[in-house]
Each structure stands twice: as structure tokens, then as C-alpha cells.
Amino acid sequence: MQLRHLASQLGCELVGDGETDISGVAGMEHAVPGQLTFLANPTYSPKVALTKASAILVSEPVRDLPIASLVSANPYLDFARALALFYQPPRPAPGIHHLASIAATARIGENASIGPFAVVGERVSIGRNAVIHPHVVIYEGAEIGDDFLAHSHSTVREFCRIGSRVILQNGAVIGGDGFGFAKRADVPTTKSSNPALP
């Protein structure tokens, strides 16, 4: 991607050669020609002279160095946005692994990928293009929209509703029990016998 196109997509001011081709992003010390890096903390300014990156995201233009600048109000955020433009996570091939457990009453949309040891309960509804990694559990009656992505060991509890384009990170639990307490008027509060405690 040419740097001028990247600047336009990020909404940054371009200072330098907009025809420079950018093929990826990296931190200042690891960047190579053709990559974009960033400077969010002025403490690291001296390292800019040592980077091999072709361009840098900064809050102020870099002067007297042969590196193009993308001037941003928030270089750290825009670097994360640039990363999303260049990195596409691998997508498993569509299909249901033979070691997955899918209830007969579950409805799975087209182009889904369901990994080994995933469990989809009774009367679950999942939209199109779902990616369900190994060891995900979806309880009975859950309703999930399109483009759902569930990483390993995440759980959707019974009868939960989830919209489209939702990502569950590893170990996330949707619909789990809370930790609040509801007091009853007919049950007295017990005080501790330990004088050190209230």
C-alpha cells in the first residue's frame, strides 16, 4: 500500500514521499525498509534516527531524517489501526470437525468453521460465517448472529442473545452468574464475633 493511501485511511497528515510502498508495521527497533513504525512517547525520540522503517507515525513531523512522517493526534491508536489494515488473522476452513458435539436441534449458518471438542447445545441458533475454535461451549437456546468468532475456552450460557460481528476472547463467559447480593427483610444480618471485623 502506498503511504499516501495509508495516510488517507488513517486520516493523518503526510510529510514526505507519498509514493513509498508500505508492506507492514513493526516497532522501531525491529522495523525494516517498507514498514511503518510509531513514536508515542517522546522519551524514545533518539531511537528514530536508528530505525530502518520507511515511515513513522508521530505527533510532530520528523525533521532532518530520511523517513516519511504520518502526523497523528494519537500515534499509538493510529498504529493499532494500521496494524489492523495489514494483519488478517488466519481463518480455519469451513466445516464441522468430527470431534465437535453439535446437538441435532442446533441451527448452524452457512460457511461455519467449528473446531474439535466444541459443544453446541440444543436449540442453539448461529448465523453465517461463524468461527468456533476448539473447546468452546454454547449452551442450550443461545442465539448468535453472523460473523461470530469464539476463541478457545470461551462460553455462551443458556438462552443468551449475541448480535453479529462479535468476538469472544479466550476464557470469556457470556451470561455467567454475577456476584451481587440481594438482601431479604426477614433474614437478620449476622455480625462477626471477631472484634477486629465490623
C-alpha atoms as a PDB file:
ATOM      1  CA  MET A   1       0.000   0.000   0.000  1.00  0.00           C
ATOM      2  CA  GLN A   2       1.370   3.417  -0.874  1.00  0.00           C
ATOM      3  CA  LEU A   3       1.996   5.696   2.063  1.00  0.00           C
ATOM      4  CA  ARG A   4      -0.368   8.376   0.754  1.00  0.00           C
ATOM      5  CA  HIS A   5      -3.221   5.825   0.707  1.00  0.00           C
ATOM      6  CA  LEU A   6      -2.349   4.745   4.244  1.00  0.00           C
ATOM      7  CA  ALA A   7      -2.299   8.391   5.390  1.00  0.00           C
ATOM      8  CA  SER A   8      -5.724   8.888   3.837  1.00  0.00           C
ATOM      9  CA  GLN A   9      -7.210   5.802   5.506  1.00  0.00           C
ATOM     10  CA  LEU A  10      -5.832   6.816   8.910  1.00  0.00           C
ATOM     11  CA  GLY A  11      -6.721  10.492   8.499  1.00  0.00           C
ATOM     12  CA  CYS A  12      -3.112  11.573   9.104  1.00  0.00           C
ATOM     13  CA  GLU A  13      -1.067  14.416   7.587  1.00  0.00           C
ATOM     14  CA  LEU A  14       1.643  13.086   5.287  1.00  0.00           C
ATOM     15  CA  VAL A  15       5.104  14.674   5.423  1.00  0.00           C
ATOM     16  CA  GLY A  16       7.468  13.026   2.928  1.00  0.00           C
ATOM     17  CA  ASP A  17       7.244  10.744  -0.092  1.00  0.00           C
ATOM     18  CA  GLY A  18       3.673   9.528  -0.504  1.00  0.00           C
ATOM     19  CA  GLU A  19       4.705   7.017  -3.186  1.00  0.00           C
ATOM     20  CA  THR A  20       6.640   4.927  -0.656  1.00  0.00           C
ATOM     21  CA  ASP A  21       5.292   1.372  -0.544  1.00  0.00           C
ATOM     22  CA  ILE A  22       4.395   0.101   2.919  1.00  0.00           C
ATOM     23  CA  SER A  23       4.010  -3.636   3.344  1.00  0.00           C
ATOM     24  CA  GLY A  24       3.596  -3.908   7.110  1.00  0.00           C
ATOM     25  CA  VAL A  25       4.144  -2.436  10.556  1.00  0.00           C
ATOM     26  CA  ALA A  26       6.722  -3.028  13.303  1.00  0.00           C
ATOM     27  CA  GLY A  27       8.248  -1.451  16.394  1.00  0.00           C
ATOM     28  CA  MET A  28      11.123   0.973  15.879  1.00  0.00           C
ATOM     29  CA  GLU A  29      13.894  -1.474  16.725  1.00  0.00           C
ATOM     30  CA  HIS A  30      12.521  -4.294  14.566  1.00  0.00           C
ATOM     31  CA  ALA A  31      11.219  -2.381  11.552  1.00  0.00           C
ATOM     32  CA  VAL A  32      12.815  -2.880   8.123  1.00  0.00           C
ATOM     33  CA  PRO A  33      12.526  -0.844   4.917  1.00  0.00           C
ATOM     34  CA  GLY A  34       8.966  -0.915   3.637  1.00  0.00           C
ATOM     35  CA  GLN A  35       7.453  -0.907   7.117  1.00  0.00           C
ATOM     36  CA  LEU A  36       5.672   1.702   9.236  1.00  0.00           C
ATOM     37  CA  THR A  37       6.644   2.294  12.865  1.00  0.00           C
ATOM     38  CA  PHE A  38       5.474   4.751  15.516  1.00  0.00           C
ATOM     39  CA  LEU A  39       6.655   7.113  18.255  1.00  0.00           C
ATOM     40  CA  ALA A  40       4.125   7.720  21.031  1.00  0.00           C
ATOM     41  CA  ASN A  41       6.487   8.517  23.924  1.00  0.00           C
ATOM     42  CA  PRO A  42       8.993  11.385  23.397  1.00  0.00           C
ATOM     43  CA  THR A  43      11.461   9.538  25.650  1.00  0.00           C
ATOM     44  CA  TYR A  44      12.209   7.241  22.715  1.00  0.00           C
ATOM     45  CA  SER A  45      12.846  10.069  20.207  1.00  0.00           C
ATOM     46  CA  PRO A  46      16.604   9.308  19.914  1.00  0.00           C
ATOM     47  CA  LYS A  47      15.747   5.845  18.535  1.00  0.00           C
ATOM     48  CA  VAL A  48      14.043   7.376  15.490  1.00  0.00           C
ATOM     49  CA  ALA A  49      17.461   8.045  13.949  1.00  0.00           C
ATOM     50  CA  LEU A  50      18.313   4.335  14.251  1.00  0.00           C
ATOM     51  CA  THR A  51      15.150   2.804  12.827  1.00  0.00           C
ATOM     52  CA  LYS A  52      15.187   1.256   9.359  1.00  0.00           C
ATOM     53  CA  ALA A  53      11.452   1.848   8.857  1.00  0.00           C
ATOM     54  CA  SER A  54      10.363   3.762   5.768  1.00  0.00           C
ATOM     55  CA  ALA A  55       7.761   5.823   7.642  1.00  0.00           C
ATOM     56  CA  ILE A  56       6.775   6.717  11.183  1.00  0.00           C
ATOM     57  CA  LEU A  57       3.566   7.714  12.938  1.00  0.00           C
ATOM     58  CA  VAL A  58       4.314  10.712  15.163  1.00  0.00           C
ATOM     59  CA  SER A  59       2.587  13.673  16.800  1.00  0.00           C
ATOM     60  CA  GLU A  60       5.118  16.106  15.248  1.00  0.00           C
ATOM     61  CA  PRO A  61       6.884  15.714  11.852  1.00  0.00           C
ATOM     62  CA  VAL A  62      10.388  14.224  11.953  1.00  0.00           C
ATOM     63  CA  ARG A  63      12.909  16.736  10.608  1.00  0.00           C
ATOM     64  CA  ASP A  64      16.395  16.169   9.162  1.00  0.00           C
ATOM     65  CA  LEU A  65      15.967  12.402   8.745  1.00  0.00           C
ATOM     66  CA  PRO A  66      15.229  10.416   5.567  1.00  0.00           C
ATOM     67  CA  ILE A  67      11.977   9.000   6.951  1.00  0.00           C
ATOM     68  CA  ALA A  68       8.454   9.993   5.987  1.00  0.00           C
ATOM     69  CA  SER A  69       6.067  11.041   8.754  1.00  0.00           C
ATOM     70  CA  LEU A  70       2.377  10.449   9.277  1.00  0.00           C
ATOM     71  CA  VAL A  71       1.391  13.164  11.729  1.00  0.00           C
ATOM     72  CA  SER A  72      -1.312  11.962  14.106  1.00  0.00           C
ATOM     73  CA  ALA A  73      -3.073  13.325  17.181  1.00  0.00           C
ATOM     74  CA  ASN A  74      -2.772   9.829  18.681  1.00  0.00           C
ATOM     75  CA  PRO A  75       0.122   7.828  17.140  1.00  0.00           C
ATOM     76  CA  TYR A  76      -0.410   4.824  19.413  1.00  0.00           C
ATOM     77  CA  LEU A  77      -4.064   4.462  18.405  1.00  0.00           C
ATOM     78  CA  ASP A  78      -3.354   5.033  14.719  1.00  0.00           C
ATOM     79  CA  PHE A  79      -0.567   2.439  14.818  1.00  0.00           C
ATOM     80  CA  ALA A  80      -3.113  -0.080  16.133  1.00  0.00           C
ATOM     81  CA  ARG A  81      -5.467   0.924  13.311  1.00  0.00           C
ATOM     82  CA  ALA A  82      -2.644   0.484  10.774  1.00  0.00           C
ATOM     83  CA  LEU A  83      -1.884  -2.941  12.221  1.00  0.00           C
ATOM     84  CA  ALA A  84      -5.488  -3.965  11.601  1.00  0.00           C
ATOM     85  CA  LEU A  85      -5.134  -2.920   7.949  1.00  0.00           C
ATOM     86  CA  PHE A  86      -2.130  -5.196   7.402  1.00  0.00           C
ATOM     87  CA  TYR A  87      -2.873  -8.162   9.664  1.00  0.00           C
ATOM     88  CA  GLN A  88      -5.660 -10.592   8.857  1.00  0.00           C
ATOM     89  CA  PRO A  89      -5.832 -13.497  11.313  1.00  0.00           C
ATOM     90  CA  PRO A  90      -5.906 -16.948   9.733  1.00  0.00           C
ATOM     91  CA  ARG A  91      -9.384 -18.359   9.228  1.00  0.00           C
ATOM     92  CA  PRO A  92      -9.944 -22.098   9.561  1.00  0.00           C
ATOM     93  CA  ALA A  93     -11.521 -23.853   6.600  1.00  0.00           C
ATOM     94  CA  PRO A  94     -15.324 -24.126   6.729  1.00  0.00           C
ATOM     95  CA  GLY A  95     -16.690 -27.336   8.165  1.00  0.00           C
ATOM     96  CA  ILE A  96     -17.537 -29.075  11.421  1.00  0.00           C
ATOM     97  CA  HIS A  97     -14.764 -31.164  12.941  1.00  0.00           C
ATOM     98  CA  HIS A  98     -15.748 -34.776  13.599  1.00  0.00           C
ATOM     99  CA  LEU A  99     -14.797 -34.370  17.279  1.00  0.00           C
ATOM    100  CA  ALA A 100     -17.196 -31.444  17.793  1.00  0.00           C
ATOM    101  CA  SER A 101     -20.508 -32.134  19.535  1.00  0.00           C
ATOM    102  CA  ILE A 102     -23.430 -30.422  17.786  1.00  0.00           C
ATOM    103  CA  ALA A 103     -26.986 -31.002  19.041  1.00  0.00           C
ATOM    104  CA  ALA A 104     -29.422 -32.267  16.435  1.00  0.00           C
ATOM    105  CA  THR A 105     -31.725 -29.292  17.064  1.00  0.00           C
ATOM    106  CA  ALA A 106     -28.967 -26.675  16.626  1.00  0.00           C
ATOM    107  CA  ARG A 107     -29.099 -24.469  13.516  1.00  0.00           C
ATOM    108  CA  ILE A 108     -25.686 -23.513  12.120  1.00  0.00           C
ATOM    109  CA  GLY A 109     -25.431 -20.923   9.315  1.00  0.00           C
ATOM    110  CA  GLU A 110     -23.505 -21.466   6.105  1.00  0.00           C
ATOM    111  CA  ASN A 111     -19.708 -21.188   5.883  1.00  0.00           C
ATOM    112  CA  ALA A 112     -19.196 -22.013   9.580  1.00  0.00           C
ATOM    113  CA  SER A 113     -15.993 -23.479  10.974  1.00  0.00           C
ATOM    114  CA  ILE A 114     -16.351 -25.466  14.209  1.00  0.00           C
ATOM    115  CA  GLY A 115     -13.243 -26.963  15.779  1.00  0.00           C
ATOM    116  CA  PRO A 116     -12.644 -30.174  17.747  1.00  0.00           C
ATOM    117  CA  PHE A 117     -14.203 -30.540  21.203  1.00  0.00           C
ATOM    118  CA  ALA A 118     -16.506 -27.572  20.681  1.00  0.00           C
ATOM    119  CA  VAL A 119     -20.008 -28.135  22.082  1.00  0.00           C
ATOM    120  CA  VAL A 120     -23.162 -26.570  20.639  1.00  0.00           C
ATOM    121  CA  GLY A 121     -26.278 -27.291  22.692  1.00  0.00           C
ATOM    122  CA  GLU A 122     -29.914 -27.948  21.939  1.00  0.00           C
ATOM    123  CA  ARG A 123     -31.905 -25.310  20.030  1.00  0.00           C
ATOM    124  CA  VAL A 124     -28.869 -23.056  19.507  1.00  0.00           C
ATOM    125  CA  SER A 125     -29.010 -20.725  16.513  1.00  0.00           C
ATOM    126  CA  ILE A 126     -25.760 -19.457  14.959  1.00  0.00           C
ATOM    127  CA  GLY A 127     -25.601 -17.169  11.903  1.00  0.00           C
ATOM    128  CA  ARG A 128     -23.364 -17.289   8.839  1.00  0.00           C
ATOM    129  CA  ASN A 129     -19.537 -17.318   8.779  1.00  0.00           C
ATOM    130  CA  ALA A 130     -19.066 -18.369  12.410  1.00  0.00           C
ATOM    131  CA  VAL A 131     -15.623 -19.461  13.581  1.00  0.00           C
ATOM    132  CA  ILE A 132     -15.795 -21.544  16.751  1.00  0.00           C
ATOM    133  CA  HIS A 133     -12.397 -22.689  17.948  1.00  0.00           C
ATOM    134  CA  PRO A 134     -11.704 -25.862  19.963  1.00  0.00           C
ATOM    135  CA  HIS A 135     -13.214 -26.222  23.452  1.00  0.00           C
ATOM    136  CA  VAL A 136     -15.868 -23.519  23.028  1.00  0.00           C
ATOM    137  CA  VAL A 137     -19.177 -24.324  24.747  1.00  0.00           C
ATOM    138  CA  ILE A 138     -22.505 -22.822  23.653  1.00  0.00           C
ATOM    139  CA  TYR A 139     -25.349 -23.739  25.981  1.00  0.00           C
ATOM    140  CA  GLU A 140     -28.938 -24.560  25.111  1.00  0.00           C
ATOM    141  CA  GLY A 141     -31.100 -21.942  23.451  1.00  0.00           C
ATOM    142  CA  ALA A 142     -28.385 -19.377  22.705  1.00  0.00           C
ATOM    143  CA  GLU A 143     -28.975 -17.149  19.679  1.00  0.00           C
ATOM    144  CA  ILE A 144     -25.920 -15.773  17.863  1.00  0.00           C
ATOM    145  CA  GLY A 145     -25.715 -13.538  14.778  1.00  0.00           C
ATOM    146  CA  ASP A 146     -23.457 -13.584  11.717  1.00  0.00           C
ATOM    147  CA  ASP A 147     -19.629 -13.409  11.653  1.00  0.00           C
ATOM    148  CA  PHE A 148     -19.271 -14.720  15.217  1.00  0.00           C
ATOM    149  CA  LEU A 149     -15.746 -15.577  16.384  1.00  0.00           C
ATOM    150  CA  ALA A 150     -15.232 -17.544  19.599  1.00  0.00           C
ATOM    151  CA  HIS A 151     -11.698 -18.309  20.755  1.00  0.00           C
ATOM    152  CA  SER A 152     -10.857 -21.458  22.686  1.00  0.00           C
ATOM    153  CA  HIS A 153     -12.420 -21.986  26.117  1.00  0.00           C
ATOM    154  CA  SER A 154     -14.999 -19.238  25.745  1.00  0.00           C
ATOM    155  CA  THR A 155     -18.577 -19.983  26.817  1.00  0.00           C
ATOM    156  CA  VAL A 156     -22.026 -18.702  25.914  1.00  0.00           C
ATOM    157  CA  ARG A 157     -24.532 -19.626  28.619  1.00  0.00           C
ATOM    158  CA  GLU A 158     -28.117 -20.762  28.140  1.00  0.00           C
ATOM    159  CA  PHE A 159     -30.600 -18.530  26.291  1.00  0.00           C
ATOM    160  CA  CYS A 160     -28.149 -15.665  25.777  1.00  0.00           C
ATOM    161  CA  ARG A 161     -28.528 -13.487  22.690  1.00  0.00           C
ATOM    162  CA  ILE A 162     -25.463 -12.212  20.853  1.00  0.00           C
ATOM    163  CA  GLY A 163     -25.557  -9.923  17.813  1.00  0.00           C
ATOM    164  CA  SER A 164     -23.457 -10.030  14.657  1.00  0.00           C
ATOM    165  CA  ARG A 165     -19.676  -9.483  14.345  1.00  0.00           C
ATOM    166  CA  VAL A 166     -18.915 -10.369  17.975  1.00  0.00           C
ATOM    167  CA  ILE A 167     -15.533 -11.722  19.094  1.00  0.00           C
ATOM    168  CA  LEU A 168     -15.163 -13.676  22.335  1.00  0.00           C
ATOM    169  CA  GLN A 169     -11.620 -13.814  23.643  1.00  0.00           C
ATOM    170  CA  ASN A 170     -10.148 -16.909  25.297  1.00  0.00           C
ATOM    171  CA  GLY A 171     -11.947 -17.820  28.517  1.00  0.00           C
ATOM    172  CA  ALA A 172     -14.755 -15.258  28.161  1.00  0.00           C
ATOM    173  CA  VAL A 173     -18.112 -16.224  29.693  1.00  0.00           C
ATOM    174  CA  ILE A 174     -21.281 -14.609  28.379  1.00  0.00           C
ATOM    175  CA  GLY A 175     -24.274 -14.849  30.740  1.00  0.00           C
ATOM    176  CA  GLY A 176     -22.416 -16.180  33.778  1.00  0.00           C
ATOM    177  CA  ASP A 177     -23.742 -15.618  37.288  1.00  0.00           C
ATOM    178  CA  GLY A 178     -22.977 -12.230  38.840  1.00  0.00           C
ATOM    179  CA  PHE A 179     -21.519 -11.508  42.260  1.00  0.00           C
ATOM    180  CA  GLY A 180     -24.187  -9.198  43.713  1.00  0.00           C
ATOM    181  CA  PHE A 181     -26.191  -9.803  46.891  1.00  0.00           C
ATOM    182  CA  ALA A 182     -29.941  -9.255  47.281  1.00  0.00           C
ATOM    183  CA  LYS A 183     -30.950  -8.774  50.935  1.00  0.00           C
ATOM    184  CA  ARG A 184     -34.163 -10.134  52.412  1.00  0.00           C
ATOM    185  CA  ALA A 185     -36.046  -8.158  55.053  1.00  0.00           C
ATOM    186  CA  ASP A 186     -36.967 -11.317  57.025  1.00  0.00           C
ATOM    187  CA  VAL A 187     -33.352 -12.533  57.430  1.00  0.00           C
ATOM    188  CA  PRO A 188     -31.290 -10.665  60.079  1.00  0.00           C
ATOM    189  CA  THR A 189     -27.747  -9.603  59.265  1.00  0.00           C
ATOM    190  CA  THR A 190     -25.169 -11.635  61.226  1.00  0.00           C
ATOM    191  CA  LYS A 191     -22.394  -9.662  62.867  1.00  0.00           C
ATOM    192  CA  SER A 192     -18.910 -11.107  63.176  1.00  0.00           C
ATOM    193  CA  SER A 193     -17.791 -12.250  66.619  1.00  0.00           C
ATOM    194  CA  ASN A 194     -14.287 -11.051  65.789  1.00  0.00           C
ATOM    195  CA  PRO A 195     -13.872  -7.541  67.320  1.00  0.00           C
ATOM    196  CA  ALA A 196     -11.329  -6.676  64.629  1.00  0.00           C
ATOM    197  CA  LEU A 197     -14.037  -7.016  61.965  1.00  0.00           C
ATOM    198  CA  PRO A 198     -17.042  -4.684  61.552  1.00  0.00           C
END
